[in-house]
Amino acid sequence: MDAPVPRRSRFAGGPGGGIRVSFEFFPPKTAEMERTLWESIERLAPLAPAFVSVTYGAGGSTRERTHATVKRILAETSLVPAAHLTCVAATREEIDEVIRAYYAAGVRHIVSLRGDPTGGAGERYAPHPGGYANGADLAAGIRRIADVEVSVSAYPEKHPDSPTVDADIDMLKAKVDAGATRAITQFFFENDLYFRYLERVRARGIAIPIVPGILPVQNFKQTKGFAQRCGASVPRWLAERFDGLEEDVATRKLIAAAVAAEQVLDLVDQGVSDFHFYTMNRADLVYAVCHLLGLRPTTSNAEGEGQGVPKVTARGVA
């Protein structure tokens, strides 16, 4: 009988071959959070992500911190930053100013999002008078002002404010028509949800990459809260895996790594090669999963290639 083929041999081109990853961070509020963020960036940078995104708080509440984080990534690393931008609680002129400031700083990738109401979950969204109406409108504005790549959001279980999945896909189509070149999904835990959604998206003639968003479960209670606010489901089996581990951090991390690895390796087996990780500004679980995907750090000592974090590439990553 033939021996089973190891999973790693199914990665074309050797370790990490064909696999592309990106990482999401959020701007820190305190000096301690800033140290944690930069420790995570330094840990993950050698895996050569396609880009790293930096979030933008509701109503532009993190505007200056987002801009400062993006500028530091540009100045001190060789990573490619993608700056988030929302259209909540701001006029077109105010948002256009942010777009121009990003471009002047060297940003060439913006993640266009409608954004959450400033009052948080439960508050009804209303466009700002004189502002951009939604994510599609904002994407068109970005492309009008700056020659940048535009990524947008996608929702395998539909956005909480959308009446139906079809209406949600109509909005995605509007974003693509406005110039979006990539969609990144809200996190999900059942891969069938992603593939059913992808089938419906392709049936609508949407051909851009739909990159699965992966959330390693750093804290189950926190993750469940995130899911409730964004309309994502938390399956019973996931709750059972973390049951009784509230005070057992070490075991919880092991379970979290196993769950995330199981999810991404199943996606790889079904032909997925691009992944966007919601890091929560922590590197350990994400690094472990990327290792299982076959990504390995290598450094380039070429003079002038980055400062603080070395110029890096992952073997086999296109």
Protein backbone atom coordinates (compact mmCIF):
# COMPACT_ATOMS: atom_id res chain seq x y z
CA MET A 1 0.00 0.00 0.00
CA ASP A 2 1.30 3.46 -0.89
CA ALA A 3 2.17 5.74 1.99
CA PRO A 4 -0.16 8.72 2.47
CA VAL A 5 1.02 11.92 0.83
CA PRO A 6 2.04 14.50 3.43
CA ARG A 7 -0.04 17.66 3.23
CA ARG A 8 3.04 19.86 2.79
CA SER A 9 3.90 18.13 -0.49
CA ARG A 10 0.70 19.51 -1.98
CA PHE A 11 2.07 23.05 -1.81
CA ALA A 12 3.31 23.83 -5.31
CA GLY A 13 6.88 25.04 -5.50
CA GLY A 14 8.03 23.81 -2.11
CA PRO A 15 7.44 25.26 1.34
CA GLY A 16 4.93 28.09 1.13
CA GLY A 17 4.79 27.83 -2.65
CA GLY A 18 1.76 29.62 -4.06
CA ILE A 19 0.51 30.72 -0.62
CA ARG A 20 0.05 34.45 -0.08
CA VAL A 21 -0.84 36.01 3.25
CA SER A 22 -1.68 39.45 4.58
CA PHE A 23 -2.07 40.67 8.14
CA GLU A 24 -4.40 43.18 9.80
CA PHE A 25 -3.32 45.34 12.72
CA PHE A 26 -5.03 48.13 14.63
CA PRO A 27 -3.41 51.38 15.82
CA PRO A 28 -2.33 51.22 19.48
CA LYS A 29 -3.85 53.39 22.19
CA THR A 30 -1.07 53.16 24.80
CA ALA A 31 2.71 52.79 24.97
CA GLU A 32 2.31 49.17 26.11
CA MET A 33 -0.03 48.39 23.21
CA GLU A 34 2.45 50.02 20.85
CA ARG A 35 5.23 47.75 22.09
CA THR A 36 2.99 44.72 21.58
CA LEU A 37 2.10 45.87 18.07
CA TRP A 38 5.70 46.36 16.98
CA GLU A 39 6.84 43.11 18.53
CA SER A 40 4.12 41.43 16.45
CA ILE A 41 5.09 43.28 13.28
CA GLU A 42 8.75 42.32 13.74
CA ARG A 43 7.76 38.70 14.35
CA LEU A 44 5.50 38.46 11.29
CA ALA A 45 7.45 40.65 8.83
CA PRO A 46 9.92 37.88 7.85
CA LEU A 47 7.01 35.89 6.43
CA ALA A 48 6.81 38.49 3.63
CA PRO A 49 3.09 39.26 3.63
CA ALA A 50 1.65 40.69 0.43
CA PHE A 51 0.56 43.66 2.55
CA VAL A 52 -0.36 44.62 6.10
CA SER A 53 -3.53 46.61 6.76
CA VAL A 54 -4.11 49.13 9.54
CA THR A 55 -7.66 49.71 10.75
CA TYR A 56 -9.52 53.02 11.01
CA GLY A 57 -11.89 53.58 13.93
CA ALA A 58 -15.56 54.46 13.68
CA GLY A 59 -16.04 58.02 12.56
CA GLY A 60 -12.31 58.45 12.03
CA SER A 61 -11.73 58.06 15.79
CA THR A 62 -8.26 56.59 15.19
CA ARG A 63 -7.42 58.79 12.20
CA GLU A 64 -4.17 60.23 13.56
CA ARG A 65 -3.04 56.97 15.15
CA THR A 66 -3.79 55.05 11.95
CA HIS A 67 -1.84 57.56 9.89
CA ALA A 68 1.10 57.48 12.34
CA THR A 69 1.20 53.67 12.31
CA VAL A 70 1.11 53.55 8.52
CA LYS A 71 3.87 56.15 8.24
CA ARG A 72 6.07 54.22 10.67
CA ILE A 73 5.55 51.00 8.71
CA LEU A 74 6.63 52.86 5.57
CA ALA A 75 9.63 54.47 7.25
CA GLU A 76 10.98 51.59 9.32
CA THR A 77 10.06 48.42 7.46
CA SER A 78 9.93 47.05 3.94
CA LEU A 79 6.30 45.99 4.39
CA VAL A 80 3.54 47.27 2.11
CA PRO A 81 0.87 49.04 4.21
CA ALA A 82 -2.81 49.14 3.26
CA ALA A 83 -4.57 51.94 5.12
CA HIS A 84 -8.22 51.45 6.08
CA LEU A 85 -10.62 54.30 5.40
CA THR A 86 -14.30 54.72 6.26
CA CYS A 87 -16.93 57.26 5.28
CA VAL A 88 -18.70 57.61 8.65
CA ALA A 89 -19.23 61.04 10.21
CA ALA A 90 -17.13 62.99 7.70
CA THR A 91 -17.68 65.11 4.60
CA ARG A 92 -16.27 64.22 1.20
CA GLU A 93 -13.77 67.04 1.55
CA GLU A 94 -12.52 65.70 4.88
CA ILE A 95 -12.16 62.17 3.54
CA ASP A 96 -10.54 63.38 0.31
CA GLU A 97 -7.97 65.16 2.47
CA VAL A 98 -7.16 61.86 4.21
CA ILE A 99 -6.79 60.09 0.85
CA ARG A 100 -4.37 62.76 -0.38
CA ALA A 101 -2.42 62.60 2.89
CA TYR A 102 -2.09 58.83 2.60
CA TYR A 103 -0.90 59.13 -0.98
CA ALA A 104 1.59 61.87 -0.09
CA ALA A 105 2.98 59.61 2.66
CA GLY A 106 3.59 56.82 0.15
CA VAL A 107 0.50 54.67 0.64
CA ARG A 108 -0.52 52.86 -2.55
CA HIS A 109 -3.21 50.56 -1.16
CA ILE A 110 -6.40 51.63 0.65
CA VAL A 111 -9.07 49.39 2.17
CA SER A 112 -12.40 51.12 1.45
CA LEU A 113 -15.09 50.49 4.07
CA ARG A 114 -18.45 52.04 4.89
CA GLY A 115 -17.62 51.83 8.57
CA ASP A 116 -19.71 51.33 11.69
CA PRO A 117 -21.99 54.03 13.13
CA THR A 118 -20.25 56.13 15.75
CA GLY A 119 -22.75 54.90 18.36
CA GLY A 120 -21.67 51.31 17.79
CA ALA A 121 -23.71 48.16 17.34
CA GLY A 122 -27.47 48.69 17.28
CA GLU A 123 -27.35 52.21 15.93
CA ARG A 124 -28.78 52.66 12.44
CA TYR A 125 -26.25 53.81 9.86
CA ALA A 126 -26.94 57.13 8.16
CA PRO A 127 -24.63 58.73 5.58
CA HIS A 128 -23.12 62.02 6.63
CA PRO A 129 -24.70 64.98 4.81
CA GLY A 130 -22.23 65.86 2.09
CA GLY A 131 -20.26 62.68 2.72
CA TYR A 132 -19.76 59.45 0.82
CA ALA A 133 -22.86 57.27 0.94
CA ASN A 134 -21.30 53.83 1.32
CA GLY A 135 -18.24 51.68 0.60
CA ALA A 136 -18.84 51.67 -3.16
CA ASP A 137 -19.17 55.45 -3.26
CA LEU A 138 -15.98 55.77 -1.22
CA ALA A 139 -14.12 53.33 -3.50
CA ALA A 140 -15.04 55.47 -6.50
CA GLY A 141 -13.82 58.57 -4.67
CA ILE A 142 -10.50 56.95 -3.81
CA ARG A 143 -9.91 55.90 -7.41
CA ARG A 144 -10.84 59.39 -8.62
CA ILE A 145 -8.25 61.03 -6.37
CA ALA A 146 -5.33 58.60 -6.18
CA ASP A 147 -3.77 55.88 -8.29
CA VAL A 148 -3.91 53.21 -5.60
CA GLU A 149 -5.09 49.65 -5.19
CA VAL A 150 -8.50 49.47 -3.53
CA SER A 151 -9.61 46.52 -1.41
CA VAL A 152 -13.14 46.21 -0.03
CA SER A 153 -15.07 44.04 2.40
CA ALA A 154 -17.21 40.98 1.68
CA TYR A 155 -19.59 39.08 3.95
CA PRO A 156 -20.12 35.33 3.56
CA GLU A 157 -23.03 35.57 6.03
CA LYS A 158 -24.10 39.03 4.74
CA HIS A 159 -23.56 42.38 6.38
CA PRO A 160 -25.87 42.88 9.40
CA ASP A 161 -27.49 45.88 7.70
CA SER A 162 -28.20 44.09 4.40
CA PRO A 163 -31.75 42.76 4.00
CA THR A 164 -30.60 39.70 2.01
CA VAL A 165 -27.44 37.99 0.78
CA ASP A 166 -28.38 38.99 -2.78
CA ALA A 167 -28.58 42.66 -1.76
CA ASP A 168 -25.21 42.30 -0.09
CA ILE A 169 -23.72 40.83 -3.27
CA ASP A 170 -25.27 43.69 -5.25
CA MET A 171 -23.28 46.06 -3.03
CA LEU A 172 -20.11 44.07 -3.65
CA LYS A 173 -20.76 44.33 -7.39
CA ALA A 174 -21.14 48.10 -7.00
CA LYS A 175 -17.77 48.22 -5.22
CA VAL A 176 -16.14 46.30 -8.05
CA ASP A 177 -17.75 48.58 -10.64
CA ALA A 178 -16.31 51.51 -8.65
CA GLY A 179 -12.79 50.14 -9.05
CA ALA A 180 -12.18 47.62 -6.25
CA THR A 181 -9.58 45.00 -7.15
CA ARG A 182 -9.83 42.69 -4.12
CA ALA A 183 -12.39 41.77 -1.50
CA ILE A 184 -11.49 40.56 1.99
CA THR A 185 -14.16 38.62 3.84
CA GLN A 186 -15.45 39.02 7.34
CA PHE A 187 -14.16 36.14 9.46
CA PHE A 188 -16.05 32.86 9.44
CA PHE A 189 -15.52 29.46 11.05
CA GLU A 190 -17.39 27.13 8.70
CA ASN A 191 -15.64 26.87 5.35
CA ASP A 192 -18.82 25.82 3.59
CA LEU A 193 -20.13 29.34 4.22
CA TYR A 194 -17.22 30.79 2.26
CA PHE A 195 -17.55 28.43 -0.68
CA ARG A 196 -21.34 28.89 -0.97
CA TYR A 197 -20.81 32.63 -0.91
CA LEU A 198 -18.02 32.42 -3.49
CA GLU A 199 -20.27 30.43 -5.81
CA ARG A 200 -22.98 33.09 -5.62
CA VAL A 201 -20.45 35.90 -6.12
CA ARG A 202 -18.99 34.28 -9.23
CA ALA A 203 -22.50 33.67 -10.57
CA ARG A 204 -23.01 37.45 -10.45
CA GLY A 205 -20.00 37.94 -12.69
CA ILE A 206 -17.69 39.19 -9.94
CA ALA A 207 -14.20 37.99 -10.81
CA ILE A 208 -11.91 39.79 -8.33
CA PRO A 209 -10.16 37.74 -5.63
CA ILE A 210 -12.36 37.05 -2.61
CA VAL A 211 -9.75 36.55 0.12
CA PRO A 212 -10.92 34.67 3.21
CA GLY A 213 -10.48 36.57 6.46
CA ILE A 214 -9.17 34.29 9.21
CA LEU A 215 -9.52 35.10 12.91
CA PRO A 216 -7.43 32.89 15.21
CA VAL A 217 -9.34 32.80 18.48
CA GLN A 218 -7.17 34.67 20.97
CA ASN A 219 -10.07 34.91 23.43
CA PHE A 220 -13.29 32.99 22.85
CA LYS A 221 -15.57 35.32 24.81
CA GLN A 222 -14.18 38.32 22.92
CA THR A 223 -14.50 36.52 19.60
CA LYS A 224 -18.13 35.65 20.34
CA GLY A 225 -18.79 39.33 21.00
CA PHE A 226 -17.15 40.33 17.72
CA ALA A 227 -19.25 37.75 15.90
CA GLN A 228 -22.52 39.02 17.38
CA ARG A 229 -21.74 42.58 16.30
CA CYS A 230 -20.78 41.71 12.73
CA GLY A 231 -23.35 39.01 12.02
CA ALA A 232 -20.95 36.07 11.92
CA SER A 233 -22.04 32.73 13.34
CA VAL A 234 -20.18 30.84 16.05
CA PRO A 235 -20.79 27.10 15.64
CA ARG A 236 -21.54 24.92 18.64
CA TRP A 237 -18.46 22.77 18.02
CA LEU A 238 -16.22 25.84 18.39
CA ALA A 239 -17.77 26.78 21.73
CA GLU A 240 -17.33 23.20 22.93
CA ARG A 241 -13.62 23.22 22.05
CA PHE A 242 -13.01 26.22 24.32
CA ASP A 243 -15.41 25.15 27.06
CA GLY A 244 -13.74 25.17 30.49
CA LEU A 245 -10.55 26.91 29.30
CA GLU A 246 -11.35 30.43 30.51
CA GLU A 247 -8.48 30.35 33.02
CA ASP A 248 -6.20 27.94 31.16
CA VAL A 249 -4.31 30.23 28.80
CA ALA A 250 -1.72 27.68 27.68
CA THR A 251 -4.26 25.05 26.62
CA ARG A 252 -6.47 27.71 25.07
CA LYS A 253 -3.62 28.79 22.80
CA LEU A 254 -3.00 25.22 21.71
CA ILE A 255 -6.68 24.72 20.88
CA ALA A 256 -6.83 28.06 19.07
CA ALA A 257 -3.83 27.17 16.91
CA ALA A 258 -5.33 23.76 16.10
CA VAL A 259 -8.69 25.28 15.12
CA ALA A 260 -7.16 27.93 12.87
CA ALA A 261 -4.74 25.45 11.29
CA GLU A 262 -7.57 23.00 10.61
CA GLN A 263 -9.56 25.75 8.90
CA VAL A 264 -6.81 27.13 6.66
CA LEU A 265 -5.42 23.74 5.67
CA ASP A 266 -8.91 22.66 4.63
CA LEU A 267 -9.20 25.83 2.53
CA VAL A 268 -5.83 25.06 0.92
CA ASP A 269 -7.01 21.54 0.12
CA GLN A 270 -9.96 23.10 -1.70
CA GLY A 271 -7.80 25.41 -3.79
CA VAL A 272 -7.51 28.59 -1.72
CA SER A 273 -4.07 30.23 -1.80
CA ASP A 274 -4.62 33.73 -0.32
CA PHE A 275 -5.39 34.42 3.34
CA HIS A 276 -5.94 37.59 5.36
CA PHE A 277 -5.30 37.17 9.08
CA TYR A 278 -6.97 39.33 11.72
CA THR A 279 -4.02 39.34 14.13
CA MET A 280 -5.50 41.36 17.02
CA ASN A 281 -1.94 42.76 17.15
CA ARG A 282 -0.58 39.42 18.37
CA ALA A 283 1.77 37.26 16.38
CA ASP A 284 2.03 33.85 18.04
CA LEU A 285 -1.05 32.06 16.67
CA VAL A 286 -0.78 33.66 13.23
CA TYR A 287 2.90 32.78 12.94
CA ALA A 288 2.19 29.16 13.90
CA VAL A 289 -0.56 28.82 11.30
CA CYS A 290 1.62 30.41 8.61
CA HIS A 291 4.37 27.93 9.49
CA LEU A 292 1.92 25.09 8.91
CA LEU A 293 1.05 26.68 5.56
CA GLY A 294 4.70 26.25 4.62
CA LEU A 295 5.87 29.84 4.95
CA ARG A 296 9.45 30.26 6.15
CA PRO A 297 11.34 33.47 6.89
CA THR A 298 14.36 34.48 4.87
CA THR A 299 16.14 37.82 5.04
CA SER A 300 17.89 39.99 2.51
CA ASN A 301 20.90 41.94 3.64
CA ALA A 302 20.87 44.17 0.60
CA GLU A 303 22.01 47.64 1.59
CA GLY A 304 19.21 50.13 2.11
CA GLU A 305 16.34 47.64 1.98
CA GLY A 306 14.27 48.68 4.96
CA GLN A 307 15.16 49.81 8.44
CA GLY A 308 14.29 48.29 11.78
CA VAL A 309 12.67 45.24 10.17
CA PRO A 310 14.81 43.62 7.45
CA LYS A 311 13.77 43.26 3.86
CA VAL A 312 12.28 39.76 3.82
CA THR A 313 10.83 37.18 1.49
CA ALA A 314 9.15 33.81 1.99
CA ARG A 315 10.38 31.00 -0.17
CA GLY A 316 8.05 30.10 -2.96
CA VAL A 317 5.67 33.02 -2.45
CA ALA A 318 4.92 34.78 -5.73
